[in-house]
């Protein structure tokens, strides 16, 4: 019980959900994000809901690819480095 307050403080410190923060930045600048972007979500993630990226395509000039990665939770680079590497390679080719 004592080890959780520190890591959980990160999430508690977020004043607004990331989607709202992204909307404010994009709307304030008047332009959409112009780099190819991939959103990977672990199928077993218990920290972030599966629909977290839903609707964010409108903030991107380049396509936003979205992929649910089976056999992974919240820490995809540790749990499924192969899937993360494939996504990075796809972005490099884009």
C-alpha atoms as a PDB file:
ATOM      1  CA  UNK A   1       0.000   0.000   0.000  1.00  0.00           C
ATOM      2  CA  UNK A   2       2.834   2.400   0.658  1.00  0.00           C
ATOM      3  CA  UNK A   3       4.423   1.952  -2.758  1.00  0.00           C
ATOM      4  CA  UNK A   4       1.378   3.058  -4.781  1.00  0.00           C
ATOM      5  CA  UNK A   5       0.924   6.750  -3.840  1.00  0.00           C
ATOM      6  CA  UNK A   6       4.017   7.869  -5.786  1.00  0.00           C
ATOM      7  CA  UNK A   7       3.195   6.195  -9.100  1.00  0.00           C
ATOM      8  CA  UNK A   8      -0.490   7.078  -8.794  1.00  0.00           C
ATOM      9  CA  UNK A   9       0.334  10.744  -8.183  1.00  0.00           C
ATOM     10  CA  UNK A  10       1.230  11.042 -11.874  1.00  0.00           C
ATOM     11  CA  UNK A  11      -2.345  10.217 -12.865  1.00  0.00           C
ATOM     12  CA  UNK A  12      -3.890  12.339 -10.130  1.00  0.00           C
ATOM     13  CA  UNK A  13      -1.809  15.331 -11.247  1.00  0.00           C
ATOM     14  CA  UNK A  14      -3.414  15.398 -14.674  1.00  0.00           C
ATOM     15  CA  UNK A  15      -5.801  18.317 -14.379  1.00  0.00           C
ATOM     16  CA  UNK A  16      -7.591  17.520 -17.619  1.00  0.00           C
ATOM     17  CA  UNK A  17      -7.958  14.390 -19.660  1.00  0.00           C
ATOM     18  CA  UNK A  18      -5.299  14.208 -22.431  1.00  0.00           C
ATOM     19  CA  UNK A  19      -7.965  14.481 -25.145  1.00  0.00           C
ATOM     20  CA  UNK A  20      -9.091  17.872 -23.828  1.00  0.00           C
ATOM     21  CA  UNK A  21      -5.505  19.086 -23.565  1.00  0.00           C
ATOM     22  CA  UNK A  22      -4.797  18.018 -27.157  1.00  0.00           C
ATOM     23  CA  UNK A  23      -7.937  19.785 -28.372  1.00  0.00           C
ATOM     24  CA  UNK A  24      -6.892  23.021 -26.628  1.00  0.00           C
ATOM     25  CA  UNK A  25      -3.416  22.969 -28.181  1.00  0.00           C
ATOM     26  CA  UNK A  26      -4.619  22.147 -31.692  1.00  0.00           C
ATOM     27  CA  UNK A  27      -7.466  24.664 -31.553  1.00  0.00           C
ATOM     28  CA  UNK A  28      -5.190  27.417 -30.191  1.00  0.00           C
ATOM     29  CA  UNK A  29      -2.634  26.914 -32.950  1.00  0.00           C
ATOM     30  CA  UNK A  30      -5.246  26.539 -35.660  1.00  0.00           C
ATOM     31  CA  UNK A  31      -3.406  23.678 -37.315  1.00  0.00           C
ATOM     32  CA  UNK A  32      -3.442  19.924 -37.158  1.00  0.00           C
ATOM     33  CA  UNK A  33      -0.529  17.632 -36.276  1.00  0.00           C
ATOM     34  CA  UNK A  34       1.425  16.995 -39.471  1.00  0.00           C
ATOM     35  CA  UNK A  35       3.580  13.968 -38.702  1.00  0.00           C
ATOM     36  CA  UNK A  36       2.565  10.333 -39.167  1.00  0.00           C
ATOM     37  CA  UNK A  37       1.423   9.026 -35.786  1.00  0.00           C
ATOM     38  CA  UNK A  38       0.612   5.583 -34.413  1.00  0.00           C
ATOM     39  CA  UNK A  39      -1.473   4.862 -31.330  1.00  0.00           C
ATOM     40  CA  UNK A  40      -0.875   1.415 -29.850  1.00  0.00           C
ATOM     41  CA  UNK A  41      -3.100   0.110 -27.091  1.00  0.00           C
ATOM     42  CA  UNK A  42      -2.542  -3.051 -25.079  1.00  0.00           C
ATOM     43  CA  UNK A  43      -5.597  -5.311 -25.169  1.00  0.00           C
ATOM     44  CA  UNK A  44      -5.090  -6.072 -21.470  1.00  0.00           C
ATOM     45  CA  UNK A  45      -4.421  -2.460 -20.380  1.00  0.00           C
ATOM     46  CA  UNK A  46      -6.209  -1.753 -17.099  1.00  0.00           C
ATOM     47  CA  UNK A  47      -4.966   1.844 -16.794  1.00  0.00           C
ATOM     48  CA  UNK A  48      -6.276   3.374 -20.035  1.00  0.00           C
ATOM     49  CA  UNK A  49      -9.611   2.450 -21.576  1.00  0.00           C
ATOM     50  CA  UNK A  50      -9.591   0.896 -25.069  1.00  0.00           C
ATOM     51  CA  UNK A  51     -11.417   3.848 -26.651  1.00  0.00           C
ATOM     52  CA  UNK A  52      -8.920   6.458 -25.419  1.00  0.00           C
ATOM     53  CA  UNK A  53      -7.848   7.476 -28.940  1.00  0.00           C
ATOM     54  CA  UNK A  54     -11.335   7.428 -30.445  1.00  0.00           C
ATOM     55  CA  UNK A  55     -12.143  10.681 -32.225  1.00  0.00           C
ATOM     56  CA  UNK A  56      -8.607  12.044 -32.212  1.00  0.00           C
ATOM     57  CA  UNK A  57      -8.153  11.539 -35.960  1.00  0.00           C
ATOM     58  CA  UNK A  58      -9.542  15.042 -36.491  1.00  0.00           C
ATOM     59  CA  UNK A  59      -6.433  16.543 -34.892  1.00  0.00           C
ATOM     60  CA  UNK A  60      -4.087  14.988 -37.434  1.00  0.00           C
ATOM     61  CA  UNK A  61      -3.269  16.123 -40.955  1.00  0.00           C
ATOM     62  CA  UNK A  62      -1.483  12.833 -41.572  1.00  0.00           C
ATOM     63  CA  UNK A  63      -3.372   9.624 -40.864  1.00  0.00           C
ATOM     64  CA  UNK A  64      -3.443   8.414 -37.281  1.00  0.00           C
ATOM     65  CA  UNK A  65      -3.047   4.668 -37.252  1.00  0.00           C
ATOM     66  CA  UNK A  66      -4.546   2.882 -34.286  1.00  0.00           C
ATOM     67  CA  UNK A  67      -3.847  -0.697 -33.244  1.00  0.00           C
ATOM     68  CA  UNK A  68      -4.895  -2.889 -30.329  1.00  0.00           C
ATOM     69  CA  UNK A  69      -1.986  -5.150 -29.394  1.00  0.00           C
ATOM     70  CA  UNK A  70      -2.945  -8.572 -28.069  1.00  0.00           C
ATOM     71  CA  UNK A  71      -0.935 -10.001 -25.188  1.00  0.00           C
ATOM     72  CA  UNK A  72       0.024  -6.597 -23.800  1.00  0.00           C
ATOM     73  CA  UNK A  73      -1.130  -4.370 -20.980  1.00  0.00           C
ATOM     74  CA  UNK A  74      -0.076  -0.801 -20.223  1.00  0.00           C
ATOM     75  CA  UNK A  75       3.672  -1.136 -20.898  1.00  0.00           C
ATOM     76  CA  UNK A  76       3.832  -2.142 -24.554  1.00  0.00           C
ATOM     77  CA  UNK A  77       7.583  -1.546 -25.111  1.00  0.00           C
ATOM     78  CA  UNK A  78       8.328  -4.018 -22.306  1.00  0.00           C
ATOM     79  CA  UNK A  79       5.548  -6.507 -22.970  1.00  0.00           C
ATOM     80  CA  UNK A  80       5.455  -6.530 -26.787  1.00  0.00           C
ATOM     81  CA  UNK A  81       8.616  -4.873 -28.147  1.00  0.00           C
ATOM     82  CA  UNK A  82       8.049  -6.684 -31.449  1.00  0.00           C
ATOM     83  CA  UNK A  83       4.711  -4.931 -32.015  1.00  0.00           C
ATOM     84  CA  UNK A  84       6.164  -1.539 -31.075  1.00  0.00           C
ATOM     85  CA  UNK A  85       9.128  -2.051 -33.425  1.00  0.00           C
ATOM     86  CA  UNK A  86       6.781  -2.985 -36.293  1.00  0.00           C
ATOM     87  CA  UNK A  87       4.734   0.165 -35.722  1.00  0.00           C
ATOM     88  CA  UNK A  88       7.871   2.327 -35.727  1.00  0.00           C
ATOM     89  CA  UNK A  89       9.062   0.722 -38.967  1.00  0.00           C
ATOM     90  CA  UNK A  90       5.678   1.402 -40.582  1.00  0.00           C
ATOM     91  CA  UNK A  91       5.943   5.061 -39.562  1.00  0.00           C
ATOM     92  CA  UNK A  92       9.447   5.291 -40.995  1.00  0.00           C
ATOM     93  CA  UNK A  93       8.142   4.066 -44.348  1.00  0.00           C
ATOM     94  CA  UNK A  94       5.200   6.497 -44.313  1.00  0.00           C
END
